[in-house]
Amino acid sequence: MIYAVWVPLLMPFAAVPTARRLAEALPPVRAARLLAATGVGLALCGLLALALLVVPGATRFPAVSAFGELVRPLSAVAPAAAVPLAAVALALLAGCSAAVARAVRRHWAQLHRSEPRFERAEEELAVLRDSRPDAYALPGRPGTPGRIVVTTGMLRALDPDERDALLAHERAHLVGRHHLYLAAVELAALCHPALRSLRGPMGYALERCADEAAAEAVGDRRLAARAIGRAALATRAAEGDARPRPRAALAAAAGPVPRRVAALLGRGTPSPRVGRAAAAALLACLVVSGAAALEATGDLHSSIEAAQGETGPH
């Protein structure tokens, strides 16, 4: 176990470098799904590895050993390292749990603070009387559809056709429940520092999903690209005076807008082979991490059986 248990903790460092290439080369919906699955999977495997490191050291204490009916110490970890490793792993597990709990509570509180301004509106679109250009999709609480929030300043900054493209972009965020993908990667990042690098590729993939949906809705990729570019320029021009958006909001002007516009116009799109290679690499990292976690779990189970005197050590 002592060797296999480290693989899930190290594998995220190998997986993350391929994430940006995957977000650029794969179709955006597939990229977002794969990034979310990889982030959550690697985070869970890492947490399981930490839990496995806690057990051998914990059984060195008489109360735990008696509870597990152990007649001799576990052999999964060297005696001198068992207790220090268990203490560090337990501290990391507690820190991850506390960080995830705080993030969930903060996200929920922000949704509650943002919703009352729009609770009387029966329509999907909420227009704020504000000269500062801004537009974003605000996900609703469970059981509510969410809102498209746009300021009067943003409406004045765009032509009617461009407004339609912008609203289609934000609507795609709500329909696709993109905030859940973003939340999955955010929570995974709290469980392993290397997974923080997935936030950028995931944000890009989600904006690309909405860009493609907007282009399909208006039937004109150039119009969608122009609307996103003008919305971004208007937002950046008023950036110093802009009010902060809720953390869960997804905005058309977010992320690397020039790359998104270029993708809509079909410029500089990587070869599909690059996307397939990146997807295969990420899946391989996830499979290796999961297999190593299962192997370490099996080794620990065998060690526990041996310590209980039920079977000989394997």
Protein backbone atom coordinates (compact mmCIF):
# COMPACT_ATOMS: atom_id res chain seq x y z
CA MET A 1 0.00 0.00 0.00
CA ILE A 2 2.80 2.41 0.84
CA TYR A 3 3.66 2.76 -2.87
CA ALA A 4 0.23 2.63 -4.50
CA VAL A 5 -1.28 5.10 -2.04
CA TRP A 6 0.95 7.92 -3.31
CA VAL A 7 -0.17 7.61 -6.93
CA PRO A 8 -3.59 9.35 -6.45
CA LEU A 9 -1.83 12.18 -4.62
CA LEU A 10 0.71 12.73 -7.40
CA MET A 11 -1.41 12.02 -10.49
CA PRO A 12 -3.17 15.47 -10.58
CA PHE A 13 0.20 17.09 -11.25
CA ALA A 14 0.51 14.94 -14.38
CA ALA A 15 -3.11 15.43 -15.47
CA VAL A 16 -3.42 19.21 -15.32
CA PRO A 17 -0.94 20.19 -18.11
CA THR A 18 -3.20 18.58 -20.74
CA ALA A 19 -6.35 20.39 -19.58
CA ARG A 20 -5.85 23.59 -21.58
CA ARG A 21 -5.19 21.74 -24.83
CA LEU A 22 -8.28 19.63 -24.22
CA ALA A 23 -10.49 22.70 -23.63
CA GLU A 24 -9.29 24.24 -26.89
CA ALA A 25 -9.30 21.14 -29.11
CA LEU A 26 -12.36 19.14 -28.04
CA PRO A 27 -15.95 20.23 -28.71
CA PRO A 28 -16.78 22.45 -25.72
CA VAL A 29 -19.59 20.32 -24.28
CA ARG A 30 -17.41 17.22 -24.27
CA ALA A 31 -14.49 19.18 -22.87
CA ALA A 32 -16.56 20.56 -19.97
CA ARG A 33 -17.90 17.12 -19.08
CA LEU A 34 -14.49 15.49 -19.20
CA LEU A 35 -12.85 18.25 -17.16
CA ALA A 36 -15.55 18.01 -14.48
CA ALA A 37 -15.33 14.22 -14.33
CA THR A 38 -11.54 14.29 -14.19
CA GLY A 39 -11.41 16.96 -11.51
CA VAL A 40 -13.96 15.28 -9.26
CA GLY A 41 -12.52 11.81 -9.85
CA LEU A 42 -8.94 12.82 -9.09
CA ALA A 43 -10.07 14.74 -6.00
CA LEU A 44 -12.00 11.74 -4.64
CA CYS A 45 -9.08 9.39 -5.29
CA GLY A 46 -6.77 11.78 -3.47
CA LEU A 47 -9.11 11.99 -0.48
CA LEU A 48 -9.34 8.19 -0.38
CA ALA A 49 -5.54 7.99 -0.39
CA LEU A 50 -5.35 10.37 2.57
CA ALA A 51 -7.93 8.30 4.44
CA LEU A 52 -5.90 5.13 3.78
CA LEU A 53 -2.81 6.82 5.23
CA VAL A 54 -4.72 7.64 8.42
CA VAL A 55 -5.73 4.07 9.24
CA PRO A 56 -2.32 2.41 9.95
CA GLY A 57 -1.22 5.19 12.26
CA ALA A 58 -4.59 5.34 14.03
CA THR A 59 -4.42 1.62 14.82
CA ARG A 60 -1.22 2.23 16.80
CA PHE A 61 -3.44 3.64 19.54
CA PRO A 62 -4.81 0.97 21.89
CA ALA A 63 -8.41 2.20 21.73
CA VAL A 64 -8.51 2.04 17.93
CA SER A 65 -6.69 -1.29 17.87
CA ALA A 66 -9.17 -2.76 20.34
CA PHE A 67 -12.12 -1.42 18.32
CA GLY A 68 -10.76 -3.13 15.20
CA GLU A 69 -10.03 -6.33 17.14
CA LEU A 70 -6.40 -6.27 16.03
CA VAL A 71 -4.04 -8.73 17.69
CA ARG A 72 -0.91 -7.13 16.14
CA PRO A 73 -0.06 -3.82 14.45
CA LEU A 74 -0.77 -3.24 10.78
CA SER A 75 2.15 -3.87 8.44
CA ALA A 76 0.94 -1.52 5.67
CA VAL A 77 3.22 1.34 6.77
CA ALA A 78 6.61 1.34 8.51
CA PRO A 79 6.08 1.73 12.29
CA ALA A 80 8.26 4.84 12.59
CA ALA A 81 6.31 6.63 9.86
CA ALA A 82 2.78 5.40 10.62
CA VAL A 83 1.75 7.92 13.29
CA PRO A 84 3.33 11.05 11.69
CA LEU A 85 1.83 10.14 8.31
CA ALA A 86 -1.57 9.58 9.89
CA ALA A 87 -1.42 12.95 11.67
CA VAL A 88 -0.51 14.84 8.49
CA ALA A 89 -3.12 12.99 6.41
CA LEU A 90 -5.81 13.60 9.03
CA ALA A 91 -4.97 17.31 9.16
CA LEU A 92 -5.19 17.54 5.37
CA LEU A 93 -8.52 15.70 5.34
CA ALA A 94 -9.90 18.02 8.00
CA GLY A 95 -8.66 21.07 6.10
CA CYS A 96 -10.23 19.89 2.84
CA SER A 97 -13.55 19.14 4.56
CA ALA A 98 -13.63 22.55 6.22
CA ALA A 99 -12.74 24.35 2.97
CA VAL A 100 -15.43 22.49 1.00
CA ALA A 101 -18.05 23.18 3.69
CA ARG A 102 -17.17 26.91 3.71
CA ALA A 103 -17.31 27.09 -0.09
CA VAL A 104 -20.74 25.42 -0.25
CA ARG A 105 -22.09 27.70 2.49
CA ARG A 106 -20.68 30.82 0.79
CA HIS A 107 -22.12 29.81 -2.59
CA TRP A 108 -25.54 29.18 -1.06
CA ALA A 109 -25.47 32.47 0.84
CA GLN A 110 -24.58 34.42 -2.31
CA LEU A 111 -27.49 32.89 -4.20
CA HIS A 112 -29.83 33.88 -1.37
CA ARG A 113 -28.47 37.43 -1.27
CA SER A 114 -28.76 37.88 -5.02
CA GLU A 115 -32.21 36.37 -5.52
CA PRO A 116 -34.42 38.84 -3.56
CA ARG A 117 -33.86 41.64 -6.10
CA PHE A 118 -35.57 39.53 -8.75
CA GLU A 119 -38.08 37.50 -6.77
CA ARG A 120 -41.05 39.59 -8.01
CA ALA A 121 -40.07 39.16 -11.65
CA GLU A 122 -41.92 36.37 -13.39
CA GLU A 123 -39.83 36.55 -16.54
CA GLU A 124 -36.48 35.00 -17.29
CA LEU A 125 -34.87 38.37 -18.03
CA ALA A 126 -34.16 40.89 -15.29
CA VAL A 127 -33.07 44.37 -16.42
CA LEU A 128 -31.19 46.52 -13.93
CA ARG A 129 -31.28 50.29 -14.32
CA ASP A 130 -27.55 50.85 -14.31
CA SER A 131 -25.44 52.84 -16.80
CA ARG A 132 -22.51 50.45 -16.33
CA PRO A 133 -22.56 47.72 -19.01
CA ASP A 134 -22.89 44.23 -17.57
CA ALA A 135 -24.70 40.97 -18.29
CA TYR A 136 -24.56 37.57 -16.64
CA ALA A 137 -26.50 34.40 -15.97
CA LEU A 138 -27.43 34.00 -12.32
CA PRO A 139 -28.32 30.40 -11.42
CA GLY A 140 -31.34 29.94 -9.21
CA ARG A 141 -31.69 27.99 -6.04
CA PRO A 142 -32.85 24.35 -6.37
CA GLY A 143 -36.28 24.33 -8.00
CA THR A 144 -35.90 27.76 -9.60
CA PRO A 145 -34.75 28.40 -13.19
CA GLY A 146 -32.35 31.27 -12.58
CA ARG A 147 -32.21 34.69 -14.23
CA ILE A 148 -30.50 36.47 -17.07
CA VAL A 149 -29.37 39.76 -15.58
CA VAL A 150 -28.51 42.65 -17.91
CA THR A 151 -28.04 46.34 -17.25
CA THR A 152 -29.50 49.17 -19.29
CA GLY A 153 -25.94 50.25 -20.00
CA MET A 154 -25.22 46.94 -21.73
CA LEU A 155 -28.46 47.11 -23.73
CA ARG A 156 -27.50 50.55 -25.00
CA ALA A 157 -24.00 49.34 -25.93
CA LEU A 158 -25.28 46.68 -28.37
CA ASP A 159 -27.37 46.62 -31.50
CA PRO A 160 -30.68 44.70 -31.38
CA ASP A 161 -29.22 41.65 -33.16
CA GLU A 162 -26.23 41.66 -30.84
CA ARG A 163 -28.55 41.80 -27.81
CA ASP A 164 -30.29 38.67 -29.07
CA ALA A 165 -26.94 36.88 -29.35
CA LEU A 166 -25.87 38.03 -25.89
CA LEU A 167 -29.12 36.88 -24.28
CA ALA A 168 -28.87 33.53 -26.10
CA HIS A 169 -25.37 33.14 -24.66
CA GLU A 170 -26.54 33.76 -21.10
CA ARG A 171 -29.61 31.54 -21.61
CA ALA A 172 -27.31 28.69 -22.63
CA HIS A 173 -25.52 28.97 -19.29
CA LEU A 174 -28.81 28.53 -17.44
CA VAL A 175 -30.16 25.72 -19.63
CA GLY A 176 -26.88 23.82 -19.49
CA ARG A 177 -26.59 24.27 -15.70
CA HIS A 178 -23.03 25.38 -16.27
CA HIS A 179 -22.64 26.65 -12.73
CA LEU A 180 -22.69 23.02 -11.54
CA TYR A 181 -19.67 22.18 -13.72
CA LEU A 182 -17.86 25.22 -12.39
CA ALA A 183 -18.76 24.32 -8.80
CA ALA A 184 -17.48 20.76 -9.30
CA VAL A 185 -14.06 22.02 -10.40
CA GLU A 186 -13.98 24.66 -7.65
CA LEU A 187 -14.66 22.04 -4.97
CA ALA A 188 -12.12 19.64 -6.49
CA ALA A 189 -9.53 22.43 -6.39
CA LEU A 190 -10.07 22.74 -2.64
CA CYS A 191 -9.14 19.06 -2.24
CA HIS A 192 -5.84 19.15 -4.16
CA PRO A 193 -3.71 22.21 -5.00
CA ALA A 194 -2.80 20.98 -8.51
CA LEU A 195 -6.47 20.87 -9.49
CA ARG A 196 -6.73 24.65 -9.16
CA SER A 197 -5.29 24.81 -12.67
CA LEU A 198 -8.49 23.23 -14.00
CA ARG A 199 -10.49 26.39 -13.26
CA GLY A 200 -9.21 28.29 -16.30
CA PRO A 201 -9.81 25.51 -18.86
CA MET A 202 -13.24 24.78 -17.38
CA GLY A 203 -14.27 28.45 -17.53
CA TYR A 204 -13.10 28.63 -21.14
CA ALA A 205 -14.97 25.43 -22.08
CA LEU A 206 -18.20 26.67 -20.50
CA GLU A 207 -18.01 30.04 -22.24
CA ARG A 208 -17.35 28.23 -25.52
CA CYS A 209 -20.44 26.07 -24.91
CA ALA A 210 -22.53 29.21 -24.53
CA ASP A 211 -20.83 30.88 -27.52
CA GLU A 212 -21.73 27.95 -29.78
CA ALA A 213 -25.31 27.91 -28.45
CA ALA A 214 -25.63 31.65 -29.16
CA ALA A 215 -24.27 31.24 -32.69
CA GLU A 216 -26.77 28.46 -33.35
CA ALA A 217 -29.65 30.48 -31.88
CA VAL A 218 -29.04 33.55 -34.06
CA GLY A 219 -27.86 31.56 -37.07
CA ASP A 220 -24.77 33.70 -37.60
CA ARG A 221 -21.36 32.92 -36.10
CA ARG A 222 -19.95 36.32 -37.05
CA LEU A 223 -22.82 38.08 -35.32
CA ALA A 224 -22.30 36.01 -32.17
CA ALA A 225 -18.57 36.78 -32.25
CA ARG A 226 -19.24 40.51 -32.72
CA ALA A 227 -21.75 40.59 -29.86
CA ILE A 228 -19.35 38.87 -27.46
CA GLY A 229 -16.48 41.13 -28.47
CA ARG A 230 -18.49 44.35 -28.12
CA ALA A 231 -19.96 43.22 -24.79
CA ALA A 232 -16.46 42.48 -23.50
CA LEU A 233 -15.12 45.85 -24.65
CA ALA A 234 -18.05 47.69 -23.04
CA THR A 235 -17.60 45.78 -19.78
CA ARG A 236 -13.84 46.35 -19.68
CA ALA A 237 -14.27 50.06 -20.32
CA ALA A 238 -16.41 50.36 -17.18
CA GLU A 239 -14.43 47.83 -15.16
CA GLY A 240 -13.31 50.30 -12.51
CA ASP A 241 -16.88 51.27 -11.64
CA ALA A 242 -18.48 47.84 -12.07
CA ARG A 243 -20.27 46.32 -9.12
CA PRO A 244 -19.07 42.83 -8.12
CA ARG A 245 -21.08 39.95 -9.58
CA PRO A 246 -22.22 36.99 -7.48
CA ARG A 247 -19.54 34.28 -7.45
CA ALA A 248 -21.86 31.80 -9.18
CA ALA A 249 -22.64 34.17 -12.08
CA LEU A 250 -21.41 33.35 -15.59
CA ALA A 251 -20.83 36.32 -17.89
CA ALA A 252 -20.35 36.53 -21.64
CA ALA A 253 -17.48 39.00 -21.18
CA ALA A 254 -15.52 36.61 -18.94
CA GLY A 255 -12.45 34.61 -19.84
CA PRO A 256 -10.12 34.89 -22.84
CA VAL A 257 -12.50 36.69 -25.21
CA PRO A 258 -10.05 36.96 -28.17
CA ARG A 259 -9.56 33.17 -28.19
CA ARG A 260 -13.31 32.63 -27.98
CA VAL A 261 -13.98 35.02 -30.85
CA ALA A 262 -11.27 33.34 -32.93
CA ALA A 263 -12.84 29.93 -32.24
CA LEU A 264 -16.25 31.20 -33.35
CA LEU A 265 -14.72 32.49 -36.56
CA GLY A 266 -12.90 29.19 -37.13
CA ARG A 267 -9.41 30.62 -36.75
CA GLY A 268 -6.57 28.69 -35.14
CA THR A 269 -8.67 25.66 -34.21
CA PRO A 270 -6.36 22.80 -33.11
CA SER A 271 -6.47 19.47 -34.92
CA PRO A 272 -9.08 16.99 -33.61
CA ARG A 273 -6.20 14.59 -33.04
CA VAL A 274 -4.84 16.96 -30.39
CA GLY A 275 -8.18 16.90 -28.59
CA ARG A 276 -8.40 13.11 -28.73
CA ALA A 277 -4.84 12.77 -27.44
CA ALA A 278 -5.52 15.19 -24.56
CA ALA A 279 -8.76 13.38 -23.69
CA ALA A 280 -6.96 10.02 -23.71
CA ALA A 281 -4.23 11.42 -21.45
CA LEU A 282 -6.74 12.78 -18.93
CA LEU A 283 -8.72 9.54 -18.91
CA ALA A 284 -5.52 7.56 -18.44
CA CYS A 285 -4.58 9.69 -15.43
CA LEU A 286 -8.03 9.13 -13.93
CA VAL A 287 -7.92 5.37 -14.54
CA VAL A 288 -4.40 5.01 -13.11
CA SER A 289 -5.34 7.06 -10.06
CA GLY A 290 -8.49 5.01 -9.44
CA ALA A 291 -6.68 1.70 -9.95
CA ALA A 292 -3.92 2.71 -7.54
CA ALA A 293 -6.48 3.77 -4.91
CA LEU A 294 -8.27 0.43 -5.25
CA GLU A 295 -4.98 -1.47 -5.00
CA ALA A 296 -4.01 0.46 -1.87
CA THR A 297 -7.45 -0.25 -0.39
CA GLY A 298 -7.04 -3.96 -1.09
CA ASP A 299 -3.57 -4.00 0.45
CA LEU A 300 -4.85 -2.27 3.57
CA HIS A 301 -7.74 -4.73 3.85
CA SER A 302 -5.28 -7.64 3.63
CA SER A 303 -3.11 -6.01 6.27
CA ILE A 304 -6.12 -5.60 8.59
CA GLU A 305 -7.07 -9.27 8.15
CA ALA A 306 -3.50 -10.30 8.93
CA ALA A 307 -3.46 -8.08 12.03
CA GLN A 308 -6.72 -9.69 13.20
CA GLY A 309 -5.10 -13.09 12.88
CA GLU A 310 -7.66 -14.25 10.29
CA THR A 311 -5.18 -14.87 7.46
CA GLY A 312 -1.45 -14.80 6.97
CA PRO A 313 0.11 -11.65 5.59
CA HIS A 314 0.07 -11.42 1.76
